[in-house]
């Protein structure tokens, strides 16, 4: 059983968020942070099943910023 699963979350330029699990083939999205959280939980449950799902889910929000050199 996996204790924790980590998702990297990025804000999409057109709006909304996309989340990708580290070390697992799980991807999902949501228009709001609340919707994203619901979708991540659902995706994890579908991927692992009830008996194998992790104890916790960590969402790491990544913000990319480009600055002049």
N, C-alpha and C. Protein backbone atom coordinates (compact mmCIF):
# COMPACT_ATOMS: atom_id res chain seq x y z
N UNK A 1 0.84 -1.19 0.00
CA UNK A 1 0.00 0.00 0.00
C UNK A 1 0.88 1.25 0.00
N UNK A 2 0.54 2.17 -0.83
CA UNK A 2 1.25 3.45 -0.91
C UNK A 2 0.72 4.37 0.18
N UNK A 3 1.60 4.95 0.96
CA UNK A 3 1.16 5.83 2.03
C UNK A 3 0.75 7.20 1.52
N UNK A 4 1.52 7.72 0.54
CA UNK A 4 1.24 9.04 0.02
C UNK A 4 1.49 9.06 -1.48
N UNK A 5 0.69 9.81 -2.20
CA UNK A 5 0.91 10.04 -3.61
C UNK A 5 1.02 11.55 -3.82
N UNK A 6 1.96 11.94 -4.66
CA UNK A 6 2.23 13.36 -4.88
C UNK A 6 1.84 13.74 -6.30
N UNK A 7 1.12 14.85 -6.41
CA UNK A 7 0.73 15.40 -7.70
C UNK A 7 1.39 16.76 -7.89
N UNK A 8 1.93 16.99 -9.08
CA UNK A 8 2.40 18.31 -9.46
C UNK A 8 1.23 19.00 -10.16
N UNK A 9 0.88 20.18 -9.68
CA UNK A 9 -0.28 20.91 -10.20
C UNK A 9 0.20 22.19 -10.87
N UNK A 10 -0.27 22.41 -12.09
CA UNK A 10 0.06 23.63 -12.82
C UNK A 10 -1.21 24.34 -13.23
N UNK A 11 -1.18 25.67 -13.18
CA UNK A 11 -2.30 26.47 -13.66
C UNK A 11 -2.18 26.58 -15.17
N UNK A 12 -3.26 26.32 -15.87
CA UNK A 12 -3.27 26.39 -17.33
C UNK A 12 -3.44 27.84 -17.77
N UNK A 13 -2.75 28.25 -18.85
CA UNK A 13 -2.87 29.63 -19.34
C UNK A 13 -4.31 30.02 -19.69
N UNK A 14 -5.09 29.05 -20.19
CA UNK A 14 -6.48 29.32 -20.57
C UNK A 14 -7.42 29.31 -19.37
N UNK A 15 -6.91 28.92 -18.22
CA UNK A 15 -7.72 28.81 -17.01
C UNK A 15 -7.81 27.36 -16.56
N UNK A 16 -8.02 27.17 -15.30
CA UNK A 16 -8.11 25.83 -14.75
C UNK A 16 -6.75 25.29 -14.34
N UNK A 17 -6.76 24.04 -13.89
CA UNK A 17 -5.55 23.41 -13.37
C UNK A 17 -5.42 22.00 -13.94
N UNK A 18 -4.17 21.54 -14.06
CA UNK A 18 -3.90 20.17 -14.47
C UNK A 18 -2.98 19.55 -13.43
N UNK A 19 -3.26 18.30 -13.07
CA UNK A 19 -2.48 17.60 -12.04
C UNK A 19 -1.93 16.30 -12.62
N UNK A 20 -0.64 16.05 -12.36
CA UNK A 20 0.03 14.84 -12.82
C UNK A 20 0.68 14.17 -11.62
N UNK A 21 0.40 12.88 -11.43
CA UNK A 21 0.98 12.13 -10.32
C UNK A 21 2.43 11.79 -10.61
N UNK A 22 3.27 11.85 -9.60
CA UNK A 22 4.66 11.46 -9.74
C UNK A 22 4.77 9.95 -9.51
N UNK A 23 5.31 9.25 -10.50
CA UNK A 23 5.52 7.82 -10.38
C UNK A 23 4.33 6.96 -10.72
N UNK A 24 3.24 7.57 -11.15
CA UNK A 24 2.03 6.84 -11.53
C UNK A 24 1.43 7.50 -12.77
N UNK A 25 0.71 6.74 -13.55
CA UNK A 25 0.06 7.27 -14.76
C UNK A 25 -1.32 7.80 -14.42
N UNK A 26 -1.35 8.87 -13.64
CA UNK A 26 -2.62 9.48 -13.25
C UNK A 26 -2.56 10.96 -13.62
N UNK A 27 -3.51 11.39 -14.42
CA UNK A 27 -3.61 12.78 -14.85
C UNK A 27 -5.07 13.21 -14.71
N UNK A 28 -5.29 14.43 -14.27
CA UNK A 28 -6.65 14.95 -14.20
C UNK A 28 -6.58 16.47 -14.24
N UNK A 29 -7.75 17.09 -14.31
CA UNK A 29 -7.82 18.55 -14.36
C UNK A 29 -9.07 19.04 -13.67
N UNK A 30 -9.13 20.35 -13.45
CA UNK A 30 -10.30 20.97 -12.85
C UNK A 30 -10.29 22.45 -13.12
N UNK A 31 -11.45 23.05 -13.16
CA UNK A 31 -11.56 24.49 -13.43
C UNK A 31 -11.20 25.31 -12.19
N UNK A 32 -11.47 24.79 -11.01
CA UNK A 32 -11.18 25.48 -9.75
C UNK A 32 -10.35 24.55 -8.87
N UNK A 33 -9.68 25.10 -7.85
CA UNK A 33 -8.93 24.22 -6.94
C UNK A 33 -9.83 23.18 -6.27
N UNK A 34 -11.05 23.54 -5.93
CA UNK A 34 -11.98 22.60 -5.30
C UNK A 34 -12.35 21.46 -6.25
N UNK A 35 -12.64 21.80 -7.50
CA UNK A 35 -12.97 20.78 -8.50
C UNK A 35 -11.76 19.88 -8.75
N UNK A 36 -10.57 20.47 -8.81
CA UNK A 36 -9.36 19.69 -9.01
C UNK A 36 -9.18 18.68 -7.88
N UNK A 37 -9.38 19.10 -6.64
CA UNK A 37 -9.24 18.19 -5.50
C UNK A 37 -10.21 17.02 -5.61
N UNK A 38 -11.45 17.30 -5.97
CA UNK A 38 -12.45 16.22 -6.14
C UNK A 38 -12.00 15.26 -7.25
N UNK A 39 -11.54 15.82 -8.36
CA UNK A 39 -11.13 14.99 -9.50
C UNK A 39 -9.89 14.17 -9.19
N UNK A 40 -8.95 14.73 -8.43
CA UNK A 40 -7.75 14.00 -8.03
C UNK A 40 -8.15 12.81 -7.15
N UNK A 41 -9.01 13.05 -6.16
CA UNK A 41 -9.44 11.96 -5.28
C UNK A 41 -10.13 10.85 -6.07
N UNK A 42 -10.98 11.24 -7.01
CA UNK A 42 -11.68 10.25 -7.84
C UNK A 42 -10.70 9.47 -8.72
N UNK A 43 -9.73 10.17 -9.31
CA UNK A 43 -8.74 9.51 -10.16
C UNK A 43 -7.88 8.53 -9.37
N UNK A 44 -7.50 8.91 -8.16
CA UNK A 44 -6.69 8.03 -7.31
C UNK A 44 -7.49 6.79 -6.93
N UNK A 45 -8.75 6.98 -6.57
CA UNK A 45 -9.61 5.84 -6.21
C UNK A 45 -9.78 4.89 -7.40
N UNK A 46 -9.95 5.43 -8.59
CA UNK A 46 -10.10 4.59 -9.79
C UNK A 46 -8.80 3.85 -10.12
N UNK A 47 -7.68 4.52 -9.94
CA UNK A 47 -6.38 3.92 -10.28
C UNK A 47 -5.99 2.79 -9.32
N UNK A 48 -6.18 3.01 -8.03
CA UNK A 48 -5.70 2.07 -7.03
C UNK A 48 -6.76 1.08 -6.55
N UNK A 49 -8.01 1.47 -6.58
CA UNK A 49 -9.03 0.63 -5.96
C UNK A 49 -9.09 0.93 -4.47
N UNK A 50 -10.14 0.51 -3.84
CA UNK A 50 -10.40 0.86 -2.44
C UNK A 50 -9.34 0.32 -1.48
N UNK A 51 -8.86 -0.89 -1.66
CA UNK A 51 -7.93 -1.50 -0.72
C UNK A 51 -6.49 -1.02 -0.89
N UNK A 52 -6.13 -0.54 -2.07
CA UNK A 52 -4.75 -0.17 -2.35
C UNK A 52 -4.50 1.33 -2.35
N UNK A 53 -5.55 2.13 -2.24
CA UNK A 53 -5.36 3.58 -2.39
C UNK A 53 -4.51 4.15 -1.27
N UNK A 54 -3.77 5.23 -1.57
CA UNK A 54 -2.88 5.85 -0.58
C UNK A 54 -3.66 6.44 0.60
N UNK A 55 -2.93 6.63 1.68
CA UNK A 55 -3.51 7.23 2.88
C UNK A 55 -3.70 8.73 2.68
N UNK A 56 -2.76 9.37 1.97
CA UNK A 56 -2.85 10.81 1.76
C UNK A 56 -2.43 11.18 0.33
N UNK A 57 -2.91 12.35 -0.08
CA UNK A 57 -2.60 12.90 -1.39
C UNK A 57 -1.98 14.27 -1.17
N UNK A 58 -0.82 14.50 -1.77
CA UNK A 58 -0.14 15.78 -1.66
C UNK A 58 -0.22 16.50 -3.00
N UNK A 59 -0.74 17.72 -3.00
CA UNK A 59 -0.80 18.54 -4.20
C UNK A 59 0.28 19.61 -4.11
N UNK A 60 1.21 19.59 -5.04
CA UNK A 60 2.27 20.59 -5.07
C UNK A 60 1.99 21.53 -6.24
N UNK A 61 1.63 22.75 -5.92
CA UNK A 61 1.32 23.73 -6.94
C UNK A 61 2.62 24.36 -7.44
N UNK A 62 2.81 24.27 -8.77
CA UNK A 62 4.03 24.78 -9.40
C UNK A 62 3.64 25.99 -10.24
N UNK A 63 4.39 27.04 -10.07
CA UNK A 63 4.14 28.24 -10.85
C UNK A 63 5.39 28.56 -11.65
N UNK A 64 5.24 28.64 -12.95
CA UNK A 64 6.37 28.97 -13.80
C UNK A 64 6.34 30.46 -14.10
N UNK A 65 7.50 31.08 -13.95
CA UNK A 65 7.60 32.51 -14.25
C UNK A 65 8.85 32.73 -15.08
N UNK A 66 8.70 33.40 -16.20
CA UNK A 66 9.81 33.70 -17.08
C UNK A 66 10.20 35.15 -16.87
N UNK A 67 11.49 35.38 -16.62
CA UNK A 67 11.98 36.73 -16.43
C UNK A 67 13.07 37.03 -17.45
N UNK A 68 13.28 38.29 -17.80
CA UNK A 68 14.33 38.62 -18.74
C UNK A 68 15.71 38.28 -18.16
N UNK A 69 16.62 37.86 -19.02
CA UNK A 69 17.97 37.50 -18.57
C UNK A 69 18.83 38.73 -18.38
